[in-house]
Amino acid sequence: MSFASDIKDEVVRVRVKEGAVKLAELSALTFACGNLKLGRKKAVSYRTENREVGKHIAALGSSLYGLEVEMEERVREHRRTPLYVVNMSGARAGEMLSDTGVMVSDEEGVHLLSKLPEALVREEEARRAFVRGCFLGAGSCSDPKGEYNLEILCRAESFAAGLSDLLNEYGLSARYALRRNRYVVYLKDGDSVTGFLALIGSNTAALDVENVRAEKETRNYVNRTTNCEYANLDKLVAASVKQQQAVNTILQHGHFQRLPQALKEAAELRLNYPDASLQELADMADIKKSGMNHRLTRLIEYAQDLENGML
């Protein structure tokens, strides 16, 4: 099973008692994956790849409006997972469509709406339920071991804009874009994905994302530290080689005995301890690190003067 399927299996188990909260969730599901039949007898058909989500939709329609519900499993060619189709109909189907904010009837006829039903998302729990329904009906989430990416497909730009604004009110960095004739509301950072999962009640998945984030941060820290250590080691080796070359140049020119005692000591230490750091050489000479650095720099300058015929 995919990470998104695990999330949906967890979310459908969130227990809701209040009718207004159930209605908000059913509204979102209808907007997300419902297909309306607006003939003389109104009906709705929902499509989902998750069996538990299908059963959840059926339970909402039955408990809220006593609708007749049928769920069928359809095997699809070239697809591993079947498609579950939930058909709901009955005397109160039109009422349900009106209450969910999907349809409005007036003197001019029936109109389908494509924006968030503001009346259903005023209360906190209803807002959470609505977001939960959007994800259950048209949401996906990649495995956090890869890139952070949570998406919800929307059929209209107005709906995508409203959902994006709603998520941003919770401090989530939600954006939307047009992709293949569908608008997609998406979250691309770990904080937003974790916050979204906690918002809809998927605490286990949110914890999984946080654990993966911690592992990634630890791994990145170790890599940065290792790279830094290697870089420092490269600098140490390069400096040591340059200093040894300088001392050897002085020896070849027979100028070693002409050096001041402090420079002789520094030269001998560098030749005897080629892998030692600047601090280690300074400790051996019982001087400060800056003092040892100054002596070795003078040795390099002395060797350069010899090679240039200045001494």
C-alpha atoms as a PDB file:
ATOM      1  CA  MET A   1       0.000   0.000   0.000  1.00  0.00           C
ATOM      2  CA  SER A   2       1.078   3.580  -0.646  1.00  0.00           C
ATOM      3  CA  PHE A   3       1.737   6.177   2.019  1.00  0.00           C
ATOM      4  CA  ALA A   4      -1.375   8.095   0.877  1.00  0.00           C
ATOM      5  CA  SER A   5      -3.519   4.962   1.265  1.00  0.00           C
ATOM      6  CA  ASP A   6      -2.233   4.496   4.800  1.00  0.00           C
ATOM      7  CA  ILE A   7      -3.198   8.078   5.591  1.00  0.00           C
ATOM      8  CA  LYS A   8      -6.725   7.615   4.220  1.00  0.00           C
ATOM      9  CA  ASP A   9      -7.189   4.337   6.075  1.00  0.00           C
ATOM     10  CA  GLU A  10      -6.297   6.150   9.291  1.00  0.00           C
ATOM     11  CA  VAL A  11      -8.389   9.247   8.585  1.00  0.00           C
ATOM     12  CA  VAL A  12     -11.646   7.403   7.827  1.00  0.00           C
ATOM     13  CA  ARG A  13     -11.508   6.070  11.386  1.00  0.00           C
ATOM     14  CA  VAL A  14     -11.800   9.577  12.850  1.00  0.00           C
ATOM     15  CA  ARG A  15     -15.064   9.484  14.761  1.00  0.00           C
ATOM     16  CA  VAL A  16     -17.494  12.337  14.160  1.00  0.00           C
ATOM     17  CA  LYS A  17     -20.875  12.634  15.908  1.00  0.00           C
ATOM     18  CA  GLU A  18     -22.148  16.090  14.994  1.00  0.00           C
ATOM     19  CA  GLY A  19     -24.288  16.237  11.881  1.00  0.00           C
ATOM     20  CA  ALA A  20     -22.835  19.577  10.767  1.00  0.00           C
ATOM     21  CA  VAL A  21     -19.329  18.160  10.833  1.00  0.00           C
ATOM     22  CA  LYS A  22     -20.383  15.061   8.875  1.00  0.00           C
ATOM     23  CA  LEU A  23     -22.122  17.301   6.339  1.00  0.00           C
ATOM     24  CA  ALA A  24     -18.956  19.367   5.833  1.00  0.00           C
ATOM     25  CA  GLU A  25     -16.972  16.192   5.153  1.00  0.00           C
ATOM     26  CA  LEU A  26     -19.624  14.838   2.767  1.00  0.00           C
ATOM     27  CA  SER A  27     -19.654  18.201   0.995  1.00  0.00           C
ATOM     28  CA  ALA A  28     -15.903  18.066   0.391  1.00  0.00           C
ATOM     29  CA  LEU A  29     -16.121  14.473  -0.831  1.00  0.00           C
ATOM     30  CA  THR A  30     -18.888  15.421  -3.243  1.00  0.00           C
ATOM     31  CA  PHE A  31     -16.864  18.327  -4.626  1.00  0.00           C
ATOM     32  CA  ALA A  32     -13.740  16.152  -4.833  1.00  0.00           C
ATOM     33  CA  CYS A  33     -14.925  12.878  -6.353  1.00  0.00           C
ATOM     34  CA  GLY A  34     -18.680  13.062  -6.833  1.00  0.00           C
ATOM     35  CA  ASN A  35     -20.433  12.975 -10.194  1.00  0.00           C
ATOM     36  CA  LEU A  36     -23.968  14.361 -10.242  1.00  0.00           C
ATOM     37  CA  LYS A  37     -26.981  13.035 -12.089  1.00  0.00           C
ATOM     38  CA  LEU A  38     -29.523  15.839 -12.385  1.00  0.00           C
ATOM     39  CA  GLY A  39     -32.450  14.206 -14.123  1.00  0.00           C
ATOM     40  CA  ARG A  40     -35.923  13.897 -12.699  1.00  0.00           C
ATOM     41  CA  LYS A  41     -34.460  11.747  -9.945  1.00  0.00           C
ATOM     42  CA  LYS A  42     -31.248  13.213  -8.672  1.00  0.00           C
ATOM     43  CA  ALA A  43     -28.357  10.957  -7.693  1.00  0.00           C
ATOM     44  CA  VAL A  44     -24.628  11.076  -7.021  1.00  0.00           C
ATOM     45  CA  SER A  45     -21.879   8.673  -8.023  1.00  0.00           C
ATOM     46  CA  TYR A  46     -18.540   8.751  -6.190  1.00  0.00           C
ATOM     47  CA  ARG A  47     -15.337   7.154  -7.444  1.00  0.00           C
ATOM     48  CA  THR A  48     -12.343   6.216  -5.329  1.00  0.00           C
ATOM     49  CA  GLU A  49      -9.426   3.795  -5.386  1.00  0.00           C
ATOM     50  CA  ASN A  50      -9.687   3.203  -1.654  1.00  0.00           C
ATOM     51  CA  ARG A  51     -12.282   0.719  -0.435  1.00  0.00           C
ATOM     52  CA  GLU A  52     -12.434   2.206   3.063  1.00  0.00           C
ATOM     53  CA  VAL A  53     -13.083   5.658   1.634  1.00  0.00           C
ATOM     54  CA  GLY A  54     -15.928   4.216  -0.441  1.00  0.00           C
ATOM     55  CA  LYS A  55     -17.490   2.639   2.626  1.00  0.00           C
ATOM     56  CA  HIS A  56     -17.063   5.916   4.489  1.00  0.00           C
ATOM     57  CA  ILE A  57     -18.874   7.893   1.777  1.00  0.00           C
ATOM     58  CA  ALA A  58     -21.705   5.364   1.796  1.00  0.00           C
ATOM     59  CA  ALA A  59     -22.007   5.590   5.573  1.00  0.00           C
ATOM     60  CA  LEU A  60     -22.210   9.404   5.491  1.00  0.00           C
ATOM     61  CA  GLY A  61     -24.922   9.475   2.825  1.00  0.00           C
ATOM     62  CA  SER A  62     -26.932   6.803   4.574  1.00  0.00           C
ATOM     63  CA  SER A  63     -26.700   8.258   8.078  1.00  0.00           C
ATOM     64  CA  LEU A  64     -27.383  11.878   7.108  1.00  0.00           C
ATOM     65  CA  TYR A  65     -30.115  11.467   4.479  1.00  0.00           C
ATOM     66  CA  GLY A  66     -31.145   7.827   4.491  1.00  0.00           C
ATOM     67  CA  LEU A  67     -30.103   7.509   0.851  1.00  0.00           C
ATOM     68  CA  GLU A  68     -30.067   4.253  -1.031  1.00  0.00           C
ATOM     69  CA  VAL A  69     -26.445   3.214  -1.381  1.00  0.00           C
ATOM     70  CA  GLU A  70     -24.699   0.731  -3.647  1.00  0.00           C
ATOM     71  CA  MET A  71     -20.958   0.182  -3.877  1.00  0.00           C
ATOM     72  CA  GLU A  72     -19.411  -1.803  -6.690  1.00  0.00           C
ATOM     73  CA  GLU A  73     -15.848  -2.834  -7.379  1.00  0.00           C
ATOM     74  CA  ARG A  74     -14.593  -2.413 -10.924  1.00  0.00           C
ATOM     75  CA  VAL A  75     -11.442  -4.095 -12.191  1.00  0.00           C
ATOM     76  CA  ARG A  76      -9.479  -1.826 -14.502  1.00  0.00           C
ATOM     77  CA  GLU A  77      -7.146  -2.852 -17.284  1.00  0.00           C
ATOM     78  CA  HIS A  78      -3.492  -2.017 -16.757  1.00  0.00           C
ATOM     79  CA  ARG A  79      -4.165  -0.995 -13.153  1.00  0.00           C
ATOM     80  CA  ARG A  80      -3.263  -3.002 -10.077  1.00  0.00           C
ATOM     81  CA  THR A  81      -5.907  -1.429  -7.893  1.00  0.00           C
ATOM     82  CA  PRO A  82      -9.656  -1.647  -8.611  1.00  0.00           C
ATOM     83  CA  LEU A  83     -11.988   1.317  -8.710  1.00  0.00           C
ATOM     84  CA  TYR A  84     -14.786   1.560  -6.160  1.00  0.00           C
ATOM     85  CA  VAL A  85     -17.960   3.289  -7.294  1.00  0.00           C
ATOM     86  CA  VAL A  86     -20.509   4.415  -4.717  1.00  0.00           C
ATOM     87  CA  ASN A  87     -23.943   5.235  -6.101  1.00  0.00           C
ATOM     88  CA  MET A  88     -26.329   7.164  -3.867  1.00  0.00           C
ATOM     89  CA  SER A  89     -29.924   7.991  -4.708  1.00  0.00           C
ATOM     90  CA  GLY A  90     -33.262   8.467  -3.015  1.00  0.00           C
ATOM     91  CA  ALA A  91     -35.937  10.983  -2.224  1.00  0.00           C
ATOM     92  CA  ARG A  92     -33.530  13.245  -0.341  1.00  0.00           C
ATOM     93  CA  ALA A  93     -30.671  13.203  -2.865  1.00  0.00           C
ATOM     94  CA  GLY A  94     -31.551  16.686  -4.104  1.00  0.00           C
ATOM     95  CA  GLU A  95     -31.706  17.944  -0.532  1.00  0.00           C
ATOM     96  CA  MET A  96     -28.276  16.507   0.129  1.00  0.00           C
ATOM     97  CA  LEU A  97     -26.817  18.243  -2.945  1.00  0.00           C
ATOM     98  CA  SER A  98     -28.335  21.521  -1.833  1.00  0.00           C
ATOM     99  CA  ASP A  99     -27.176  21.178   1.782  1.00  0.00           C
ATOM    100  CA  THR A 100     -23.601  20.328   0.760  1.00  0.00           C
ATOM    101  CA  GLY A 101     -23.387  23.517  -1.290  1.00  0.00           C
ATOM    102  CA  VAL A 102     -22.821  21.658  -4.541  1.00  0.00           C
ATOM    103  CA  MET A 103     -26.116  22.669  -6.137  1.00  0.00           C
ATOM    104  CA  VAL A 104     -28.600  25.498  -5.815  1.00  0.00           C
ATOM    105  CA  SER A 105     -32.112  25.658  -7.237  1.00  0.00           C
ATOM    106  CA  ASP A 106     -33.937  28.883  -8.027  1.00  0.00           C
ATOM    107  CA  GLU A 107     -36.540  30.233 -10.419  1.00  0.00           C
ATOM    108  CA  GLU A 108     -34.108  29.965 -13.307  1.00  0.00           C
ATOM    109  CA  GLY A 109     -33.388  26.312 -12.659  1.00  0.00           C
ATOM    110  CA  VAL A 110     -30.595  24.233 -11.167  1.00  0.00           C
ATOM    111  CA  HIS A 111     -27.046  25.609 -10.898  1.00  0.00           C
ATOM    112  CA  LEU A 112     -23.883  23.764  -9.964  1.00  0.00           C
ATOM    113  CA  LEU A 113     -21.463  25.620  -7.705  1.00  0.00           C
ATOM    114  CA  SER A 114     -17.683  25.461  -7.788  1.00  0.00           C
ATOM    115  CA  LYS A 115     -16.530  27.385  -4.741  1.00  0.00           C
ATOM    116  CA  LEU A 116     -16.086  26.478  -1.092  1.00  0.00           C
ATOM    117  CA  PRO A 117     -19.410  26.455   0.779  1.00  0.00           C
ATOM    118  CA  GLU A 118     -18.580  29.144   3.347  1.00  0.00           C
ATOM    119  CA  ALA A 119     -21.623  28.344   5.465  1.00  0.00           C
ATOM    120  CA  LEU A 120     -20.297  24.829   6.112  1.00  0.00           C
ATOM    121  CA  VAL A 121     -16.758  25.775   7.135  1.00  0.00           C
ATOM    122  CA  ARG A 122     -17.332  28.441   9.755  1.00  0.00           C
ATOM    123  CA  GLU A 123     -16.847  26.200  12.782  1.00  0.00           C
ATOM    124  CA  GLU A 124     -13.427  24.743  13.559  1.00  0.00           C
ATOM    125  CA  GLU A 125     -14.351  21.050  13.522  1.00  0.00           C
ATOM    126  CA  ALA A 126     -16.363  21.497  10.328  1.00  0.00           C
ATOM    127  CA  ARG A 127     -13.386  23.189   8.652  1.00  0.00           C
ATOM    128  CA  ARG A 128     -11.121  20.301   9.615  1.00  0.00           C
ATOM    129  CA  ALA A 129     -13.716  17.809   8.368  1.00  0.00           C
ATOM    130  CA  PHE A 130     -14.011  19.644   5.061  1.00  0.00           C
ATOM    131  CA  VAL A 131     -10.234  19.562   4.525  1.00  0.00           C
ATOM    132  CA  ARG A 132     -10.247  15.892   5.514  1.00  0.00           C
ATOM    133  CA  GLY A 133     -12.948  15.162   2.936  1.00  0.00           C
ATOM    134  CA  CYS A 134     -10.994  16.964   0.218  1.00  0.00           C
ATOM    135  CA  PHE A 135      -7.978  14.769   0.871  1.00  0.00           C
ATOM    136  CA  LEU A 136     -10.022  11.574   1.085  1.00  0.00           C
ATOM    137  CA  GLY A 137     -11.716  12.330  -2.208  1.00  0.00           C
ATOM    138  CA  ALA A 138      -8.874  13.694  -4.315  1.00  0.00           C
ATOM    139  CA  GLY A 139      -5.700  13.798  -2.269  1.00  0.00           C
ATOM    140  CA  SER A 140      -2.300  12.150  -2.562  1.00  0.00           C
ATOM    141  CA  CYS A 141       0.902  12.277  -0.544  1.00  0.00           C
ATOM    142  CA  SER A 142       4.323  10.994  -1.534  1.00  0.00           C
ATOM    143  CA  ASP A 143       6.440   8.888   0.782  1.00  0.00           C
ATOM    144  CA  PRO A 144       8.377  11.358   2.993  1.00  0.00           C
ATOM    145  CA  LYS A 145      11.542   9.302   2.493  1.00  0.00           C
ATOM    146  CA  GLY A 146      11.669  11.019  -0.886  1.00  0.00           C
ATOM    147  CA  GLU A 147      10.481  14.562  -1.493  1.00  0.00           C
ATOM    148  CA  TYR A 148       7.747  16.188   0.561  1.00  0.00           C
ATOM    149  CA  ASN A 149       4.717  16.519  -1.705  1.00  0.00           C
ATOM    150  CA  LEU A 150       1.031  16.538  -0.789  1.00  0.00           C
ATOM    151  CA  GLU A 151      -1.582  17.350  -3.440  1.00  0.00           C
ATOM    152  CA  ILE A 152      -5.346  17.716  -3.760  1.00  0.00           C
ATOM    153  CA  LEU A 153      -6.963  17.794  -7.193  1.00  0.00           C
ATOM    154  CA  CYS A 154      -9.699  20.378  -7.735  1.00  0.00           C
ATOM    155  CA  ARG A 155     -12.130  20.707 -10.606  1.00  0.00           C
ATOM    156  CA  ALA A 156     -12.355  24.504 -10.628  1.00  0.00           C
ATOM    157  CA  GLU A 157      -9.941  27.348  -9.993  1.00  0.00           C
ATOM    158  CA  SER A 158     -12.334  29.063  -7.583  1.00  0.00           C
ATOM    159  CA  PHE A 159     -12.464  25.935  -5.438  1.00  0.00           C
ATOM    160  CA  ALA A 160      -8.656  25.529  -5.545  1.00  0.00           C
ATOM    161  CA  ALA A 161      -8.181  29.163  -4.553  1.00  0.00           C
ATOM    162  CA  GLY A 162     -10.625  28.848  -1.667  1.00  0.00           C
ATOM    163  CA  LEU A 163      -9.067  25.637  -0.393  1.00  0.00           C
ATOM    164  CA  SER A 164      -5.581  27.110  -0.662  1.00  0.00           C
ATOM    165  CA  ASP A 165      -6.666  30.175   1.341  1.00  0.00           C
ATOM    166  CA  LEU A 166      -8.280  27.941   3.948  1.00  0.00           C
ATOM    167  CA  LEU A 167      -5.093  25.933   4.419  1.00  0.00           C
ATOM    168  CA  ASN A 168      -2.978  29.072   4.610  1.00  0.00           C
ATOM    169  CA  GLU A 169      -5.119  30.267   7.513  1.00  0.00           C
ATOM    170  CA  TYR A 170      -3.599  27.360   9.449  1.00  0.00           C
ATOM    171  CA  GLY A 171      -0.081  28.509   8.607  1.00  0.00           C
ATOM    172  CA  LEU A 172       0.402  25.939   5.853  1.00  0.00           C
ATOM    173  CA  SER A 173       2.278  27.057   2.745  1.00  0.00           C
ATOM    174  CA  ALA A 174      -0.398  26.016   0.254  1.00  0.00           C
ATOM    175  CA  ARG A 175      -0.384  27.010  -3.406  1.00  0.00           C
ATOM    176  CA  TYR A 176      -2.337  25.935  -6.440  1.00  0.00           C
ATOM    177  CA  ALA A 177      -1.577  25.555 -10.133  1.00  0.00           C
ATOM    178  CA  LEU A 178      -3.233  24.338 -13.326  1.00  0.00           C
ATOM    179  CA  ARG A 179      -2.068  20.886 -14.419  1.00  0.00           C
ATOM    180  CA  ARG A 180      -3.631  18.891 -17.245  1.00  0.00           C
ATOM    181  CA  ASN A 181      -7.000  20.644 -17.114  1.00  0.00           C
ATOM    182  CA  ARG A 182      -7.176  20.184 -13.332  1.00  0.00           C
ATOM    183  CA  TYR A 183      -6.189  22.586 -10.611  1.00  0.00           C
ATOM    184  CA  VAL A 184      -3.888  21.188  -7.954  1.00  0.00           C
ATOM    185  CA  VAL A 185      -3.514  22.515  -4.424  1.00  0.00           C
ATOM    186  CA  TYR A 186      -0.110  21.444  -3.181  1.00  0.00           C
ATOM    187  CA  LEU A 187       2.235  21.520  -0.181  1.00  0.00           C
ATOM    188  CA  LYS A 188       5.957  21.064  -0.758  1.00  0.00           C
ATOM    189  CA  ASP A 189       7.692  21.418   2.614  1.00  0.00           C
ATOM    190  CA  GLY A 190       7.926  19.108   5.590  1.00  0.00           C
ATOM    191  CA  ASP A 191       6.391  21.526   8.085  1.00  0.00           C
ATOM    192  CA  SER A 192       3.296  22.056   5.933  1.00  0.00           C
ATOM    193  CA  VAL A 193       2.830  18.348   5.187  1.00  0.00           C
ATOM    194  CA  THR A 194       3.113  17.469   8.877  1.00  0.00           C
ATOM    195  CA  GLY A 195       0.749  20.301   9.818  1.00  0.00           C
ATOM    196  CA  PHE A 196      -1.800  19.197   7.228  1.00  0.00           C
ATOM    197  CA  LEU A 197      -1.760  15.578   8.418  1.00  0.00           C
ATOM    198  CA  ALA A 198      -2.249  16.697  12.009  1.00  0.00           C
ATOM    199  CA  LEU A 199      -5.084  18.991  10.885  1.00  0.00           C
ATOM    200  CA  ILE A 200      -7.081  16.160   9.313  1.00  0.00           C
ATOM    201  CA  GLY A 201      -6.452  13.761  12.205  1.00  0.00           C
ATOM    202  CA  SER A 202      -3.726  11.557  10.714  1.00  0.00           C
ATOM    203  CA  ASN A 203      -1.456  11.672  13.748  1.00  0.00           C
ATOM    204  CA  THR A 204       0.358   8.424  12.966  1.00  0.00           C
ATOM    205  CA  ALA A 205       1.310   9.632   9.490  1.00  0.00           C
ATOM    206  CA  ALA A 206       2.325  13.037  10.883  1.00  0.00           C
ATOM    207  CA  LEU A 207       4.620  11.281  13.365  1.00  0.00           C
ATOM    208  CA  ASP A 208       6.072   9.165  10.550  1.00  0.00           C
ATOM    209  CA  VAL A 209       6.891  12.303   8.569  1.00  0.00           C
ATOM    210  CA  GLU A 210       8.518  13.903  11.614  1.00  0.00           C
ATOM    211  CA  ASN A 211      10.624  10.788  12.225  1.00  0.00           C
ATOM    212  CA  VAL A 212      11.784  10.760   8.620  1.00  0.00           C
ATOM    213  CA  ARG A 213      12.548  14.483   8.833  1.00  0.00           C
ATOM    214  CA  ALA A 214      14.649  13.900  11.941  1.00  0.00           C
ATOM    215  CA  GLU A 215      16.561  11.123  10.190  1.00  0.00           C
ATOM    216  CA  LYS A 216      17.148  13.326   7.145  1.00  0.00           C
ATOM    217  CA  GLU A 217      18.342  16.244   9.269  1.00  0.00           C
ATOM    218  CA  THR A 218      20.707  13.979  11.212  1.00  0.00           C
ATOM    219  CA  ARG A 219      22.051  12.481   7.990  1.00  0.00           C
ATOM    220  CA  ASN A 220      22.522  15.928   6.458  1.00  0.00           C
ATOM    221  CA  TYR A 221      24.274  17.163   9.585  1.00  0.00           C
ATOM    222  CA  VAL A 222      26.639  14.197   9.547  1.00  0.00           C
ATOM    223  CA  ASN A 223      27.344  14.753   5.853  1.00  0.00           C
ATOM    224  CA  ARG A 224      27.994  18.456   6.364  1.00  0.00           C
ATOM    225  CA  THR A 225      30.255  17.753   9.321  1.00  0.00           C
ATOM    226  CA  THR A 226      32.143  15.052   7.424  1.00  0.00           C
ATOM    227  CA  ASN A 227      32.570  17.293   4.391  1.00  0.00           C
ATOM    228  CA  CYS A 228      33.782  20.094   6.626  1.00  0.00           C
ATOM    229  CA  GLU A 229      36.263  17.773   8.316  1.00  0.00           C
ATOM    230  CA  TYR A 230      37.544  16.541   4.960  1.00  0.00           C
ATOM    231  CA  ALA A 231      37.887  20.139   3.756  1.00  0.00           C
ATOM    232  CA  ASN A 232      39.822  21.078   6.884  1.00  0.00           C
ATOM    233  CA  LEU A 233      41.985  17.976   6.499  1.00  0.00           C
ATOM    234  CA  ASP A 234      42.751  18.921   2.888  1.00  0.00           C
ATOM    235  CA  LYS A 235      43.780  22.397   4.024  1.00  0.00           C
ATOM    236  CA  LEU A 236      45.935  20.901   6.777  1.00  0.00           C
ATOM    237  CA  VAL A 237      47.698  18.543   4.368  1.00  0.00           C
ATOM    238  CA  ALA A 238      48.251  21.268   1.768  1.00  0.00           C
ATOM    239  CA  ALA A 239      49.670  23.654   4.379  1.00  0.00           C
ATOM    240  CA  SER A 240      51.904  20.959   5.849  1.00  0.00           C
ATOM    241  CA  VAL A 241      53.299  20.014   2.429  1.00  0.00           C
ATOM    242  CA  LYS A 242      54.026  23.654   1.611  1.00  0.00           C
ATOM    243  CA  GLN A 243      55.789  24.145   4.953  1.00  0.00           C
ATOM    244  CA  GLN A 244      57.856  20.973   4.546  1.00  0.00           C
ATOM    245  CA  GLN A 245      58.891  22.043   1.053  1.00  0.00           C
ATOM    246  CA  ALA A 246      59.994  25.380   2.437  1.00  0.00           C
ATOM    247  CA  VAL A 247      62.149  23.718   5.132  1.00  0.00           C
ATOM    248  CA  ASN A 248      63.693  21.349   2.562  1.00  0.00           C
ATOM    249  CA  THR A 249      64.507  24.327   0.311  1.00  0.00           C
ATOM    250  CA  ILE A 250      66.285  26.000   3.215  1.00  0.00           C
ATOM    251  CA  LEU A 251      68.211  22.818   3.948  1.00  0.00           C
ATOM    252  CA  GLN A 252      69.238  22.386   0.295  1.00  0.00           C
ATOM    253  CA  HIS A 253      70.612  25.884   0.210  1.00  0.00           C
ATOM    254  CA  GLY A 254      72.565  25.309   3.418  1.00  0.00           C
ATOM    255  CA  HIS A 255      70.799  28.071   5.273  1.00  0.00           C
ATOM    256  CA  PHE A 256      69.285  26.036   8.064  1.00  0.00           C
ATOM    257  CA  GLN A 257      71.975  26.969  10.599  1.00  0.00           C
ATOM    258  CA  ARG A 258      71.508  30.648   9.767  1.00  0.00           C
ATOM    259  CA  LEU A 259      67.934  30.561  10.965  1.00  0.00           C
ATOM    260  CA  PRO A 260      66.971  32.073  14.321  1.00  0.00           C
ATOM    261  CA  GLN A 261      66.474  29.455  17.032  1.00  0.00           C
ATOM    262  CA  ALA A 262      62.691  29.921  17.031  1.00  0.00           C
ATOM    263  CA  LEU A 263      62.489  29.205  13.292  1.00  0.00           C
ATOM    264  CA  LYS A 264      64.801  26.211  13.611  1.00  0.00           C
ATOM    265  CA  GLU A 265      62.532  24.744  16.255  1.00  0.00           C
ATOM    266  CA  ALA A 266      59.446  25.294  14.093  1.00  0.00           C
ATOM    267  CA  ALA A 267      61.177  23.735  11.072  1.00  0.00           C
ATOM    268  CA  GLU A 268      62.260  20.644  13.003  1.00  0.00           C
ATOM    269  CA  LEU A 269      58.790  20.170  14.471  1.00  0.00           C
ATOM    270  CA  ARG A 270      57.174  20.363  11.039  1.00  0.00           C
ATOM    271  CA  LEU A 271      59.599  17.822   9.551  1.00  0.00           C
ATOM    272  CA  ASN A 272      59.287  15.446  12.514  1.00  0.00           C
ATOM    273  CA  TYR A 273      55.480  15.731  12.753  1.00  0.00           C
ATOM    274  CA  PRO A 274      54.182  16.216   9.184  1.00  0.00           C
ATOM    275  CA  ASP A 275      50.603  15.243  10.112  1.00  0.00           C
ATOM    276  CA  ALA A 276      50.338  17.465  13.181  1.00  0.00           C
ATOM    277  CA  SER A 277      47.945  20.400  13.176  1.00  0.00           C
ATOM    278  CA  LEU A 278      49.024  23.971  13.776  1.00  0.00           C
ATOM    279  CA  GLN A 279      47.664  23.812  17.333  1.00  0.00           C
ATOM    280  CA  GLU A 280      49.530  20.571  18.049  1.00  0.00           C
ATOM    281  CA  LEU A 281      52.827  22.081  16.860  1.00  0.00           C
ATOM    282  CA  ALA A 282      52.188  25.154  18.977  1.00  0.00           C
ATOM    283  CA  ASP A 283      51.568  22.980  22.047  1.00  0.00           C
ATOM    284  CA  MET A 284      54.843  21.150  21.452  1.00  0.00           C
ATOM    285  CA  ALA A 285      56.700  24.461  21.274  1.00  0.00           C
ATOM    286  CA  ASP A 286      54.740  25.839  24.234  1.00  0.00           C
ATOM    287  CA  ILE A 287      53.629  28.889  22.289  1.00  0.00           C
ATOM    288  CA  LYS A 288      50.322  30.200  20.986  1.00  0.00           C
ATOM    289  CA  LYS A 289      48.812  28.960  17.745  1.00  0.00           C
ATOM    290  CA  SER A 290      49.228  32.392  16.178  1.00  0.00           C
ATOM    291  CA  GLY A 291      52.919  32.340  17.133  1.00  0.00           C
ATOM    292  CA  MET A 292      53.505  28.994  15.427  1.00  0.00           C
ATOM    293  CA  ASN A 293      51.623  30.179  12.353  1.00  0.00           C
ATOM    294  CA  HIS A 294      53.837  33.271  12.209  1.00  0.00           C
ATOM    295  CA  ARG A 295      57.034  31.170  12.403  1.00  0.00           C
ATOM    296  CA  LEU A 296      55.963  28.763   9.670  1.00  0.00           C
ATOM    297  CA  THR A 297      54.914  31.688   7.460  1.00  0.00           C
ATOM    298  CA  ARG A 298      58.373  33.220   7.933  1.00  0.00           C
ATOM    299  CA  LEU A 299      59.965  29.895   6.905  1.00  0.00           C
ATOM    300  CA  ILE A 300      57.942  29.893   3.673  1.00  0.00           C
ATOM    301  CA  GLU A 301      58.913  33.512   2.957  1.00  0.00           C
ATOM    302  CA  TYR A 302      62.570  32.701   3.706  1.00  0.00           C
ATOM    303  CA  ALA A 303      62.500  29.774   1.261  1.00  0.00           C
ATOM    304  CA  GLN A 304      60.907  31.957  -1.437  1.00  0.00           C
ATOM    305  CA  ASP A 305      63.627  34.583  -0.986  1.00  0.00           C
ATOM    306  CA  LEU A 306      66.259  31.855  -1.436  1.00  0.00           C
ATOM    307  CA  GLU A 307      64.658  30.611  -4.647  1.00  0.00           C
ATOM    308  CA  ASN A 308      64.437  34.169  -5.975  1.00  0.00           C
ATOM    309  CA  GLY A 309      68.128  34.783  -5.226  1.00  0.00           C
ATOM    310  CA  MET A 310      67.369  37.457  -2.672  1.00  0.00           C
ATOM    311  CA  LEU A 311      69.480  35.817   0.061  1.00  0.00           C
END
